Amino acid sequence: MPHDQATRLHGYGVRFDTTADRYRVRNELTGEWLCRPTGELAAFTFFGDAYSAWRAFEVHKRPGEK
């Protein structure tokens, strides 16, 4: 996804793509977007699904985690 498109996405890690009406997942540490094996950007209908994918995609300790 080009950087000029990133500004239209809202959120941290899990971002809502208003154009596609789907959630996208971004690794905020590396700036990399989660893609399908085909190279296409991963898209999720439900926030919970996107959040689970993000937790696996961007692995680091979060506040309160041991």
PDB file of N, CA and C in Angstrom:
ATOM      1  N   MET A   1       0.855  -1.177   0.000  1.00  0.00           N
ATOM      2  CA  MET A   1       0.000   0.000   0.000  1.00  0.00           C
ATOM      3  C   MET A   1       0.898   1.237   0.000  1.00  0.00           C
ATOM      4  N   PRO A   2       0.727   2.123  -0.920  1.00  0.00           N
ATOM      5  CA  PRO A   2       1.532   3.343  -0.956  1.00  0.00           C
ATOM      6  C   PRO A   2       1.307   4.184   0.291  1.00  0.00           C
ATOM      7  N   HIS A   3       2.334   4.938   0.670  1.00  0.00           N
ATOM      8  CA  HIS A   3       2.252   5.750   1.882  1.00  0.00           C
ATOM      9  C   HIS A   3       1.160   6.805   1.808  1.00  0.00           C
ATOM     10  N   ASP A   4       0.834   7.278   0.623  1.00  0.00           N
ATOM     11  CA  ASP A   4      -0.197   8.309   0.516  1.00  0.00           C
ATOM     12  C   ASP A   4      -1.573   7.764   0.876  1.00  0.00           C
ATOM     13  N   GLN A   5      -1.765   6.460   0.802  1.00  0.00           N
ATOM     14  CA  GLN A   5      -3.042   5.864   1.170  1.00  0.00           C
ATOM     15  C   GLN A   5      -3.154   5.648   2.678  1.00  0.00           C
ATOM     16  N   ALA A   6      -2.032   5.564   3.368  1.00  0.00           N
ATOM     17  CA  ALA A   6      -2.050   5.271   4.801  1.00  0.00           C
ATOM     18  C   ALA A   6      -2.773   6.357   5.592  1.00  0.00           C
ATOM     19  N   THR A   7      -2.795   7.582   5.120  1.00  0.00           N
ATOM     20  CA  THR A   7      -3.417   8.665   5.866  1.00  0.00           C
ATOM     21  C   THR A   7      -4.926   8.515   5.953  1.00  0.00           C
ATOM     22  N   ARG A   8      -5.543   7.758   5.056  1.00  0.00           N
ATOM     23  CA  ARG A   8      -6.990   7.611   5.114  1.00  0.00           C
ATOM     24  C   ARG A   8      -7.407   6.484   6.051  1.00  0.00           C
ATOM     25  N   LEU A   9      -6.451   5.754   6.601  1.00  0.00           N
ATOM     26  CA  LEU A   9      -6.749   4.673   7.532  1.00  0.00           C
ATOM     27  C   LEU A   9      -6.641   5.195   8.956  1.00  0.00           C
ATOM     28  N   HIS A  10      -7.572   4.798   9.808  1.00  0.00           N
ATOM     29  CA  HIS A  10      -7.627   5.294  11.179  1.00  0.00           C
ATOM     30  C   HIS A  10      -7.348   4.155  12.149  1.00  0.00           C
ATOM     31  N   GLY A  11      -6.636   4.446  13.224  1.00  0.00           N
ATOM     32  CA  GLY A  11      -6.392   3.454  14.264  1.00  0.00           C
ATOM     33  C   GLY A  11      -4.920   3.140  14.407  1.00  0.00           C
ATOM     34  N   TYR A  12      -4.608   2.299  15.354  1.00  0.00           N
ATOM     35  CA  TYR A  12      -3.229   1.870  15.594  1.00  0.00           C
ATOM     36  C   TYR A  12      -3.154   0.368  15.399  1.00  0.00           C
ATOM     37  N   GLY A  13      -2.301  -0.095  14.536  1.00  0.00           N
ATOM     38  CA  GLY A  13      -2.147  -1.529  14.299  1.00  0.00           C
ATOM     39  C   GLY A  13      -3.284  -2.080  13.464  1.00  0.00           C
ATOM     40  N   VAL A  14      -4.483  -2.034  14.007  1.00  0.00           N
ATOM     41  CA  VAL A  14      -5.685  -2.403  13.260  1.00  0.00           C
ATOM     42  C   VAL A  14      -6.284  -1.099  12.771  1.00  0.00           C
ATOM     43  N   ARG A  15      -6.377  -0.958  11.472  1.00  0.00           N
ATOM     44  CA  ARG A  15      -6.866   0.298  10.886  1.00  0.00           C
ATOM     45  C   ARG A  15      -8.063   0.033   9.997  1.00  0.00           C
ATOM     46  N   PHE A  16      -9.005   0.943  10.042  1.00  0.00           N
ATOM     47  CA  PHE A  16     -10.204   0.802   9.232  1.00  0.00           C
ATOM     48  C   PHE A  16     -10.010   1.522   7.908  1.00  0.00           C
ATOM     49  N   ASP A  17     -10.112   0.784   6.840  1.00  0.00           N
ATOM     50  CA  ASP A  17      -9.980   1.331   5.491  1.00  0.00           C
ATOM     51  C   ASP A  17     -11.375   1.766   5.051  1.00  0.00           C
ATOM     52  N   THR A  18     -11.613   3.071   5.054  1.00  0.00           N
ATOM     53  CA  THR A  18     -12.941   3.596   4.744  1.00  0.00           C
ATOM     54  C   THR A  18     -13.341   3.344   3.293  1.00  0.00           C
ATOM     55  N   THR A  19     -12.391   3.277   2.402  1.00  0.00           N
ATOM     56  CA  THR A  19     -12.690   3.026   0.998  1.00  0.00           C
ATOM     57  C   THR A  19     -13.149   1.588   0.773  1.00  0.00           C
ATOM     58  N   ALA A  20     -12.443   0.644   1.376  1.00  0.00           N
ATOM     59  CA  ALA A  20     -12.764  -0.771   1.203  1.00  0.00           C
ATOM     60  C   ALA A  20     -13.811  -1.252   2.204  1.00  0.00           C
ATOM     61  N   ASP A  21     -14.091  -0.450   3.229  1.00  0.00           N
ATOM     62  CA  ASP A  21     -15.030  -0.818   4.296  1.00  0.00           C
ATOM     63  C   ASP A  21     -14.575  -2.099   4.988  1.00  0.00           C
ATOM     64  N   ARG A  22     -13.270  -2.197   5.216  1.00  0.00           N
ATOM     65  CA  ARG A  22     -12.648  -3.361   5.852  1.00  0.00           C
ATOM     66  C   ARG A  22     -11.539  -2.885   6.787  1.00  0.00           C
ATOM     67  N   TYR A  23     -11.165  -3.757   7.713  1.00  0.00           N
ATOM     68  CA  TYR A  23     -10.034  -3.487   8.595  1.00  0.00           C
ATOM     69  C   TYR A  23      -8.763  -4.005   7.948  1.00  0.00           C
ATOM     70  N   ARG A  24      -7.676  -3.257   8.118  1.00  0.00           N
ATOM     71  CA  ARG A  24      -6.354  -3.645   7.639  1.00  0.00           C
ATOM     72  C   ARG A  24      -5.444  -3.761   8.856  1.00  0.00           C
ATOM     73  N   VAL A  25      -4.387  -4.539   8.734  1.00  0.00           N
ATOM     74  CA  VAL A  25      -3.476  -4.772   9.842  1.00  0.00           C
ATOM     75  C   VAL A  25      -2.079  -4.281   9.464  1.00  0.00           C
ATOM     76  N   ARG A  26      -1.496  -3.483  10.355  1.00  0.00           N
ATOM     77  CA  ARG A  26      -0.166  -2.926  10.098  1.00  0.00           C
ATOM     78  C   ARG A  26       0.730  -3.175  11.300  1.00  0.00           C
ATOM     79  N   ASN A  27       1.946  -3.590  11.033  1.00  0.00           N
ATOM     80  CA  ASN A  27       2.956  -3.722  12.074  1.00  0.00           C
ATOM     81  C   ASN A  27       3.534  -2.331  12.295  1.00  0.00           C
ATOM     82  N   GLU A  28       3.203  -1.720  13.411  1.00  0.00           N
ATOM     83  CA  GLU A  28       3.631  -0.350  13.663  1.00  0.00           C
ATOM     84  C   GLU A  28       5.121  -0.246  13.950  1.00  0.00           C
ATOM     85  N   LEU A  29       5.760  -1.353  14.298  1.00  0.00           N
ATOM     86  CA  LEU A  29       7.196  -1.324  14.557  1.00  0.00           C
ATOM     87  C   LEU A  29       7.993  -1.261  13.262  1.00  0.00           C
ATOM     88  N   THR A  30       7.519  -1.975  12.236  1.00  0.00           N
ATOM     89  CA  THR A  30       8.247  -2.030  10.965  1.00  0.00           C
ATOM     90  C   THR A  30       7.576  -1.240   9.847  1.00  0.00           C
ATOM     91  N   GLY A  31       6.288  -0.908  10.017  1.00  0.00           N
ATOM     92  CA  GLY A  31       5.551  -0.202   8.974  1.00  0.00           C
ATOM     93  C   GLY A  31       5.003  -1.119   7.896  1.00  0.00           C
ATOM     94  N   GLU A  32       5.169  -2.428   8.081  1.00  0.00           N
ATOM     95  CA  GLU A  32       4.736  -3.413   7.089  1.00  0.00           C
ATOM     96  C   GLU A  32       3.238  -3.710   7.237  1.00  0.00           C
ATOM     97  N   TRP A  33       2.556  -3.882   6.110  1.00  0.00           N
ATOM     98  CA  TRP A  33       1.142  -4.231   6.096  1.00  0.00           C
ATOM     99  C   TRP A  33       1.012  -5.742   5.987  1.00  0.00           C
ATOM    100  N   LEU A  34       0.038  -6.315   6.675  1.00  0.00           N
ATOM    101  CA  LEU A  34      -0.218  -7.752   6.597  1.00  0.00           C
ATOM    102  C   LEU A  34      -0.833  -8.064   5.232  1.00  0.00           C
ATOM    103  N   CYS A  35      -0.221  -9.025   4.546  1.00  0.00           N
ATOM    104  CA  CYS A  35      -0.699  -9.420   3.219  1.00  0.00           C
ATOM    105  C   CYS A  35      -1.051 -10.898   3.198  1.00  0.00           C
ATOM    106  N   ARG A  36      -1.908 -11.254   2.282  1.00  0.00           N
ATOM    107  CA  ARG A  36      -2.255 -12.652   2.032  1.00  0.00           C
ATOM    108  C   ARG A  36      -1.083 -13.307   1.294  1.00  0.00           C
ATOM    109  N   PRO A  37      -1.044 -14.639   1.236  1.00  0.00           N
ATOM    110  CA  PRO A  37       0.028 -15.310   0.494  1.00  0.00           C
ATOM    111  C   PRO A  37       0.123 -14.867  -0.966  1.00  0.00           C
ATOM    112  N   THR A  38      -0.966 -14.365  -1.524  1.00  0.00           N
ATOM    113  CA  THR A  38      -0.966 -13.905  -2.915  1.00  0.00           C
ATOM    114  C   THR A  38      -0.314 -12.534  -3.073  1.00  0.00           C
ATOM    115  N   GLY A  39      -0.001 -11.873  -1.940  1.00  0.00           N
ATOM    116  CA  GLY A  39       0.576 -10.536  -1.992  1.00  0.00           C
ATOM    117  C   GLY A  39      -0.455  -9.431  -1.835  1.00  0.00           C
ATOM    118  N   GLU A  40      -1.724  -9.803  -1.851  1.00  0.00           N
ATOM    119  CA  GLU A  40      -2.819  -8.846  -1.692  1.00  0.00           C
ATOM    120  C   GLU A  40      -2.934  -8.451  -0.216  1.00  0.00           C
ATOM    121  N   LEU A  41      -3.278  -7.187   0.047  1.00  0.00           N
ATOM    122  CA  LEU A  41      -3.465  -6.736   1.427  1.00  0.00           C
ATOM    123  C   LEU A  41      -4.555  -7.543   2.107  1.00  0.00           C
ATOM    124  N   ALA A  42      -4.270  -7.971   3.323  1.00  0.00           N
ATOM    125  CA  ALA A  42      -5.272  -8.701   4.093  1.00  0.00           C
ATOM    126  C   ALA A  42      -6.373  -7.740   4.509  1.00  0.00           C
ATOM    127  N   ALA A  43      -7.610  -8.196   4.451  1.00  0.00           N
ATOM    128  CA  ALA A  43      -8.757  -7.367   4.829  1.00  0.00           C
ATOM    129  C   ALA A  43      -9.678  -8.198   5.716  1.00  0.00           C
ATOM    130  N   PHE A  44     -10.204  -7.556   6.742  1.00  0.00           N
ATOM    131  CA  PHE A  44     -11.060  -8.235   7.707  1.00  0.00           C
ATOM    132  C   PHE A  44     -12.369  -7.478   7.847  1.00  0.00           C
ATOM    133  N   THR A  45     -13.453  -8.212   7.913  1.00  0.00           N
ATOM    134  CA  THR A  45     -14.768  -7.615   8.105  1.00  0.00           C
ATOM    135  C   THR A  45     -14.984  -7.244   9.563  1.00  0.00           C
ATOM    136  N   PHE A  46     -14.478  -8.072  10.471  1.00  0.00           N
ATOM    137  CA  PHE A  46     -14.702  -7.882  11.899  1.00  0.00           C
ATOM    138  C   PHE A  46     -13.433  -7.421  12.603  1.00  0.00           C
ATOM    139  N   PHE A  47     -13.592  -6.470  13.510  1.00  0.00           N
ATOM    140  CA  PHE A  47     -12.456  -5.941  14.251  1.00  0.00           C
ATOM    141  C   PHE A  47     -11.747  -7.038  15.040  1.00  0.00           C
ATOM    142  N   GLY A  48     -12.493  -7.915  15.676  1.00  0.00           N
ATOM    143  CA  GLY A  48     -11.902  -8.980  16.489  1.00  0.00           C
ATOM    144  C   GLY A  48     -10.967  -9.866  15.679  1.00  0.00           C
ATOM    145  N   ASP A  49     -11.349 -10.182  14.469  1.00  0.00           N
ATOM    146  CA  ASP A  49     -10.494 -10.991  13.595  1.00  0.00           C
ATOM    147  C   ASP A  49      -9.216 -10.237  13.243  1.00  0.00           C
ATOM    148  N   ALA A  50      -9.363  -8.963  12.931  1.00  0.00           N
ATOM    149  CA  ALA A  50      -8.198  -8.144  12.587  1.00  0.00           C
ATOM    150  C   ALA A  50      -7.282  -7.973  13.796  1.00  0.00           C
ATOM    151  N   TYR A  51      -7.878  -7.786  14.960  1.00  0.00           N
ATOM    152  CA  TYR A  51      -7.084  -7.609  16.173  1.00  0.00           C
ATOM    153  C   TYR A  51      -6.273  -8.864  16.489  1.00  0.00           C
ATOM    154  N   SER A  52      -6.882 -10.029  16.344  1.00  0.00           N
ATOM    155  CA  SER A  52      -6.164 -11.289  16.567  1.00  0.00           C
ATOM    156  C   SER A  52      -5.006 -11.442  15.585  1.00  0.00           C
ATOM    157  N   ALA A  53      -5.239 -11.085  14.337  1.00  0.00           N
ATOM    158  CA  ALA A  53      -4.184 -11.156  13.325  1.00  0.00           C
ATOM    159  C   ALA A  53      -3.067 -10.173  13.652  1.00  0.00           C
ATOM    160  N   TRP A  54      -3.429  -8.989  14.137  1.00  0.00           N
ATOM    161  CA  TRP A  54      -2.423  -7.983  14.481  1.00  0.00           C
ATOM    162  C   TRP A  54      -1.562  -8.444  15.641  1.00  0.00           C
ATOM    163  N   ARG A  55      -2.177  -9.050  16.666  1.00  0.00           N
ATOM    164  CA  ARG A  55      -1.413  -9.522  17.831  1.00  0.00           C
ATOM    165  C   ARG A  55      -0.382 -10.573  17.414  1.00  0.00           C
ATOM    166  N   ALA A  56      -0.709 -11.385  16.424  1.00  0.00           N
ATOM    167  CA  ALA A  56       0.243 -12.386  15.938  1.00  0.00           C
ATOM    168  C   ALA A  56       1.274 -11.756  14.998  1.00  0.00           C
ATOM    169  N   PHE A  57       0.874 -10.720  14.281  1.00  0.00           N
ATOM    170  CA  PHE A  57       1.736 -10.073  13.278  1.00  0.00           C
ATOM    171  C   PHE A  57       2.748  -9.132  13.928  1.00  0.00           C
ATOM    172  N   GLU A  58       2.332  -8.399  14.943  1.00  0.00           N
ATOM    173  CA  GLU A  58       3.231  -7.458  15.639  1.00  0.00           C
ATOM    174  C   GLU A  58       3.433  -7.974  17.054  1.00  0.00           C
ATOM    175  N   VAL A  59       4.460  -8.773  17.213  1.00  0.00           N
ATOM    176  CA  VAL A  59       4.693  -9.420  18.498  1.00  0.00           C
ATOM    177  C   VAL A  59       5.644  -8.581  19.347  1.00  0.00           C
ATOM    178  N   HIS A  60       5.127  -8.047  20.429  1.00  0.00           N
ATOM    179  CA  HIS A  60       5.919  -7.387  21.463  1.00  0.00           C
ATOM    180  C   HIS A  60       5.072  -7.274  22.711  1.00  0.00           C
ATOM    181  N   LYS A  61       5.699  -7.068  23.836  1.00  0.00           N
ATOM    182  CA  LYS A  61       4.951  -6.961  25.082  1.00  0.00           C
ATOM    183  C   LYS A  61       4.162  -5.669  25.110  1.00  0.00           C
ATOM    184  N   ARG A  62       2.939  -5.782  25.572  1.00  0.00           N
ATOM    185  CA  ARG A  62       2.071  -4.638  25.702  1.00  0.00           C
ATOM    186  C   ARG A  62       1.871  -4.332  27.179  1.00  0.00           C
ATOM    187  N   PRO A  63       1.403  -3.164  27.532  1.00  0.00           N
ATOM    188  CA  PRO A  63       1.212  -2.841  28.951  1.00  0.00           C
ATOM    189  C   PRO A  63       0.373  -3.913  29.653  1.00  0.00           C
ATOM    190  N   GLY A  64       0.887  -4.403  30.780  1.00  0.00           N
ATOM    191  CA  GLY A  64       0.180  -5.405  31.554  1.00  0.00           C
ATOM    192  C   GLY A  64       0.525  -6.841  31.189  1.00  0.00           C
ATOM    193  N   GLU A  65       1.262  -7.052  30.091  1.00  0.00           N
ATOM    194  CA  GLU A  65       1.644  -8.408  29.694  1.00  0.00           C
ATOM    195  C   GLU A  65       2.962  -8.793  30.354  1.00  0.00           C
ATOM    196  N   LYS A  66       3.096 -10.088  30.638  1.00  0.00           N
ATOM    197  CA  LYS A  66       4.335 -10.576  31.251  1.00  0.00           C
ATOM    198  C   LYS A  66       5.135 -11.351  30.248  1.00  0.00           C
TER     199      LYS A  66
END
